[in-house]
Amino acid sequence: MRLPRYWPSVLAILIATAANMAHAEETGELRVQLSPVRQTVLSSELAGKLTELTVKEGDSFKEGQRLAGFDCSVQRAQLTRSEAAQRGAQKKLDVAKRLDALESISQAEVAQAQADLAVAQAESGVGRAMLKRCNLDAPFAGRVSQRMAQRYQHVAEGTELLAIYDDSAYQLELIVPSAWMAWLKPGVDFKVRLDETSQDYPAQIERLGAAIDPLSQSLKVFARITGDTAGLLPGMSGVALLQAPGAGS
């Protein structure tokens, strides 16, 4: 039987994972990677020219701060027009109601005036909703990890503009031996030493993965740094210092 060409790579990964699991069971040390709890990519909600792009890569921002803005002169003109049409429809309905009180107009004409006003109100609502898309505000406080567009650039709807993350909370991802499920539960405290800072940070297990890898007999675990996160960056890595209860005795 001929093995696939990628099989040596898969085998190497499995051997490395197994070696890491054996080392972890002996020493309680596991490699971890840092990632933000909240991160997202902000995209344009309409097609047009970017008139504002207020942040650059690495910049910090506050929740609700305007990050980008579009030239929406056309949308504003359309809203002005629809609001004028709404006012006109309201006046026509007012006249129709007065005539109806005098029995000088049919019920069908009154109903038509009401329908015309409803349509005008809906069009004004659409215009206001479109105008809200002209500004892109920060959904949370954080930092810019990547900027994918430039000011004055014409972009299509759905174009990715900024990748952002919340720098106030980070999670740790680590792979542990599946046998550790007997004692490793959410709420377990431990220390993590990051390579980039050479410092230890307090952390706590938040949740366990939903499936065990049958080949490596390992499980993904998610934890959270509970201490000061100042100076930390996504992508940092290090070692989690975890030991089963009674392992050091």
Protein backbone atom coordinates (compact mmCIF):
# COMPACT_ATOMS: atom_id res chain seq x y z
CA MET A 1 0.00 0.00 0.00
CA ARG A 2 1.38 3.35 -1.08
CA LEU A 3 1.24 6.11 1.54
CA PRO A 4 0.27 9.68 0.61
CA ARG A 5 3.11 12.13 0.02
CA TYR A 6 2.05 14.22 3.02
CA TRP A 7 2.23 11.23 5.38
CA PRO A 8 5.84 11.95 6.56
CA SER A 9 4.76 15.44 7.66
CA VAL A 10 1.75 14.07 9.51
CA LEU A 11 3.90 11.41 11.16
CA ALA A 12 6.43 14.02 12.24
CA ILE A 13 3.69 16.13 13.82
CA LEU A 14 2.29 13.12 15.66
CA ILE A 15 5.73 12.16 16.95
CA ALA A 16 6.40 15.72 18.10
CA THR A 17 3.00 15.94 19.80
CA ALA A 18 3.52 12.62 21.54
CA ALA A 19 6.94 13.77 22.72
CA ASN A 20 5.47 17.00 24.04
CA MET A 21 2.74 15.09 25.88
CA ALA A 22 5.32 12.79 27.47
CA HIS A 23 7.41 15.78 28.51
CA ALA A 24 4.33 17.50 29.92
CA GLU A 25 3.37 14.48 32.02
CA GLU A 26 6.89 14.32 33.44
CA THR A 27 7.52 18.02 34.11
CA GLY A 28 4.11 19.71 34.06
CA GLU A 29 5.38 22.15 31.41
CA LEU A 30 3.32 22.84 28.29
CA ARG A 31 3.77 25.23 25.39
CA VAL A 32 1.09 27.94 25.25
CA GLN A 33 0.14 30.68 22.82
CA LEU A 34 -1.44 34.02 23.66
CA SER A 35 -4.44 35.39 21.75
CA PRO A 36 -6.98 38.14 22.48
CA VAL A 37 -10.32 37.14 23.94
CA ARG A 38 -12.03 39.56 21.56
CA GLN A 39 -10.82 40.29 18.06
CA THR A 40 -12.53 41.07 14.78
CA VAL A 41 -12.12 42.49 11.29
CA LEU A 42 -14.15 45.63 10.54
CA SER A 43 -15.47 45.88 6.98
CA SER A 44 -17.18 48.63 5.02
CA GLU A 45 -20.98 48.46 5.11
CA LEU A 46 -21.36 50.42 1.88
CA ALA A 47 -19.46 51.21 -1.31
CA GLY A 48 -17.80 54.61 -1.49
CA LYS A 49 -14.77 56.77 -0.80
CA LEU A 50 -13.06 56.68 2.58
CA THR A 51 -12.82 60.27 3.81
CA GLU A 52 -11.61 59.29 7.28
CA LEU A 53 -9.34 56.54 8.54
CA THR A 54 -8.30 57.80 11.93
CA VAL A 55 -6.08 54.97 13.20
CA LYS A 56 -2.95 53.18 12.05
CA GLU A 57 -1.48 49.80 12.85
CA GLY A 58 -0.53 49.67 16.52
CA ASP A 59 -2.77 52.58 17.54
CA SER A 60 -5.02 52.33 20.59
CA PHE A 61 -8.66 53.46 20.54
CA LYS A 62 -11.64 53.76 22.86
CA GLU A 63 -15.02 52.07 22.63
CA GLY A 64 -17.33 54.09 20.39
CA GLN A 65 -14.46 56.07 18.83
CA ARG A 66 -14.87 56.78 15.12
CA LEU A 67 -12.33 54.73 13.20
CA ALA A 68 -13.44 55.36 9.62
CA GLY A 69 -15.86 57.56 7.70
CA PHE A 70 -17.23 57.63 4.15
CA ASP A 71 -18.28 60.36 1.74
CA CYS A 72 -22.05 60.14 2.15
CA SER A 73 -23.19 63.31 0.37
CA VAL A 74 -25.44 61.23 -1.91
CA GLN A 75 -27.00 59.37 1.02
CA ARG A 76 -27.63 62.65 2.86
CA ALA A 77 -29.32 64.14 -0.20
CA GLN A 78 -31.48 61.04 -0.57
CA LEU A 79 -32.50 61.27 3.09
CA THR A 80 -33.40 64.95 2.69
CA ARG A 81 -35.54 64.05 -0.30
CA SER A 82 -37.31 61.16 1.46
CA GLU A 83 -37.99 63.28 4.55
CA ALA A 84 -39.49 66.00 2.35
CA ALA A 85 -41.67 63.38 0.69
CA GLN A 86 -42.72 62.14 4.13
CA ARG A 87 -43.78 65.64 5.17
CA GLY A 88 -45.77 66.01 1.96
CA ALA A 89 -47.47 62.65 2.51
CA GLN A 90 -48.33 63.66 6.08
CA LYS A 91 -49.98 66.87 4.87
CA LYS A 92 -51.98 64.97 2.25
CA LEU A 93 -53.20 62.56 4.91
CA ASP A 94 -54.18 65.44 7.20
CA VAL A 95 -56.22 66.98 4.38
CA ALA A 96 -57.78 63.62 3.57
CA LYS A 97 -58.85 63.17 7.19
CA ARG A 98 -60.47 66.62 7.27
CA LEU A 99 -62.32 65.89 4.05
CA ASP A 100 -63.36 62.52 5.42
CA ALA A 101 -64.87 64.25 8.46
CA LEU A 102 -66.93 66.32 6.02
CA GLU A 103 -67.78 63.17 4.06
CA SER A 104 -66.19 64.78 1.00
CA ILE A 105 -63.75 61.97 0.20
CA SER A 106 -63.98 58.23 -0.23
CA GLN A 107 -62.54 55.73 2.24
CA ALA A 108 -60.34 54.38 -0.55
CA GLU A 109 -58.70 57.79 -0.96
CA VAL A 110 -58.08 58.03 2.79
CA ALA A 111 -56.55 54.55 2.80
CA GLN A 112 -54.33 55.51 -0.14
CA ALA A 113 -53.11 58.60 1.70
CA GLN A 114 -52.28 56.46 4.73
CA ALA A 115 -50.40 53.98 2.54
CA ASP A 116 -48.45 56.79 0.85
CA LEU A 117 -47.37 58.09 4.25
CA ALA A 118 -46.30 54.60 5.38
CA VAL A 119 -44.16 54.21 2.25
CA ALA A 120 -42.58 57.64 2.78
CA GLN A 121 -41.82 56.82 6.43
CA ALA A 122 -40.21 53.53 5.41
CA GLU A 123 -38.05 55.26 2.81
CA SER A 124 -36.93 57.81 5.40
CA GLY A 125 -36.07 54.95 7.77
CA VAL A 126 -33.97 53.29 5.09
CA GLY A 127 -32.20 56.58 4.45
CA ARG A 128 -31.37 57.04 8.14
CA ALA A 129 -30.12 53.46 8.37
CA MET A 130 -27.86 53.97 5.35
CA LEU A 131 -26.51 57.19 6.83
CA LYS A 132 -25.50 55.34 10.01
CA ARG A 133 -23.28 53.12 7.86
CA CYS A 134 -21.25 56.15 6.83
CA ASN A 135 -19.28 56.03 10.08
CA LEU A 136 -17.44 53.03 11.45
CA ASP A 137 -17.19 53.15 15.26
CA ALA A 138 -15.13 50.90 17.53
CA PRO A 139 -17.26 48.12 19.08
CA PHE A 140 -14.84 47.91 22.02
CA ALA A 141 -11.65 49.53 23.28
CA GLY A 142 -8.41 48.04 22.00
CA ARG A 143 -5.67 48.27 19.39
CA VAL A 144 -5.31 48.02 15.63
CA SER A 145 -3.42 44.91 14.53
CA GLN A 146 -3.70 45.53 10.79
CA ARG A 147 -4.91 48.29 8.48
CA MET A 148 -6.02 47.06 5.06
CA ALA A 149 -7.15 50.30 3.38
CA GLN A 150 -6.05 53.90 2.94
CA ARG A 151 -7.79 57.24 3.29
CA TYR A 152 -9.44 58.50 0.07
CA GLN A 153 -9.52 54.97 -1.29
CA HIS A 154 -12.71 53.86 -3.05
CA VAL A 155 -13.85 50.56 -1.54
CA ALA A 156 -16.63 48.11 -2.30
CA GLU A 157 -19.23 47.02 0.23
CA GLY A 158 -17.76 44.34 2.46
CA THR A 159 -14.14 45.42 1.95
CA GLU A 160 -11.98 44.65 5.00
CA LEU A 161 -10.64 47.85 6.53
CA LEU A 162 -9.20 47.21 10.00
CA ALA A 163 -8.28 44.20 12.10
CA ILE A 164 -8.68 45.07 15.79
CA TYR A 165 -8.45 43.33 19.15
CA ASP A 166 -9.26 44.00 22.80
CA ASP A 167 -5.95 44.42 24.62
CA SER A 168 -7.47 44.21 28.10
CA ALA A 169 -7.98 40.43 28.17
CA TYR A 170 -6.00 37.56 26.68
CA GLN A 171 -6.60 33.85 26.50
CA LEU A 172 -4.10 31.02 26.39
CA GLU A 173 -4.36 27.96 24.20
CA LEU A 174 -2.54 24.80 25.19
CA ILE A 175 -2.61 21.10 24.38
CA VAL A 176 -2.63 18.72 27.36
CA PRO A 177 -2.59 14.92 27.71
CA SER A 178 -6.15 13.61 27.65
CA ALA A 179 -5.46 11.74 30.92
CA TRP A 180 -5.34 15.12 32.65
CA MET A 181 -9.12 15.38 32.30
CA ALA A 182 -9.30 13.43 35.57
CA TRP A 183 -8.16 16.52 37.49
CA LEU A 184 -7.89 19.48 35.10
CA LYS A 185 -11.13 21.46 35.42
CA PRO A 186 -12.26 25.06 34.84
CA GLY A 187 -11.09 27.20 37.74
CA VAL A 188 -7.69 25.52 38.21
CA ASP A 189 -5.01 28.18 38.79
CA PHE A 190 -1.48 27.97 37.40
CA LYS A 191 1.43 30.09 36.22
CA VAL A 192 2.55 30.84 32.69
CA ARG A 193 6.02 32.06 31.73
CA LEU A 194 6.16 34.00 28.46
CA ASP A 195 9.28 33.81 26.31
CA GLU A 196 9.11 37.41 25.12
CA THR A 197 8.93 38.98 28.59
CA SER A 198 10.68 36.29 30.66
CA GLN A 199 8.06 36.90 33.33
CA ASP A 200 5.50 34.72 35.11
CA TYR A 201 1.79 35.55 34.98
CA PRO A 202 -1.12 34.10 36.97
CA ALA A 203 -3.64 32.23 34.84
CA GLN A 204 -6.76 30.13 35.27
CA ILE A 205 -8.33 27.34 33.24
CA GLU A 206 -11.56 28.58 31.63
CA ARG A 207 -12.79 25.68 29.52
CA LEU A 208 -11.78 22.37 28.00
CA GLY A 209 -11.99 21.42 24.36
CA ALA A 210 -14.97 19.46 23.09
CA ALA A 211 -13.04 16.51 21.62
CA ILE A 212 -9.93 14.42 22.23
CA ASP A 213 -7.47 13.87 19.41
CA PRO A 214 -7.52 10.05 19.11
CA LEU A 215 -4.07 9.87 17.51
CA SER A 216 -2.11 11.94 20.03
CA GLN A 217 -4.49 11.38 22.97
CA SER A 218 -4.44 15.10 23.64
CA LEU A 219 -7.01 17.77 24.43
CA LYS A 220 -7.10 21.49 23.68
CA VAL A 221 -7.55 23.67 26.75
CA PHE A 222 -8.30 27.38 27.03
CA ALA A 223 -7.14 29.54 29.92
CA ARG A 224 -7.06 33.22 30.78
CA ILE A 225 -4.38 35.46 32.27
CA THR A 226 -5.83 36.84 35.48
CA GLY A 227 -3.11 39.35 36.31
CA ASP A 228 -1.84 42.54 34.68
CA THR A 229 -1.84 42.28 30.87
CA ALA A 230 0.05 45.52 30.18
CA GLY A 231 2.73 45.02 27.55
CA LEU A 232 1.34 41.74 26.27
CA LEU A 233 0.76 41.18 22.55
CA PRO A 234 -1.15 38.56 20.56
CA GLY A 235 1.07 35.75 19.33
CA MET A 236 3.35 35.69 22.36
CA SER A 237 4.15 32.18 23.53
CA GLY A 238 5.63 30.48 26.52
CA VAL A 239 5.31 27.65 28.99
CA ALA A 240 2.39 26.78 31.26
CA LEU A 241 3.47 25.38 34.62
CA LEU A 242 0.80 22.81 35.45
CA GLN A 243 1.04 19.80 37.71
CA ALA A 244 -1.48 17.24 38.83
CA PRO A 245 -2.47 17.44 42.51
CA GLY A 246 0.11 15.59 44.60
CA ALA A 247 2.60 15.36 41.72
CA GLY A 248 5.23 17.30 43.62
CA SER A 249 4.86 15.33 46.85
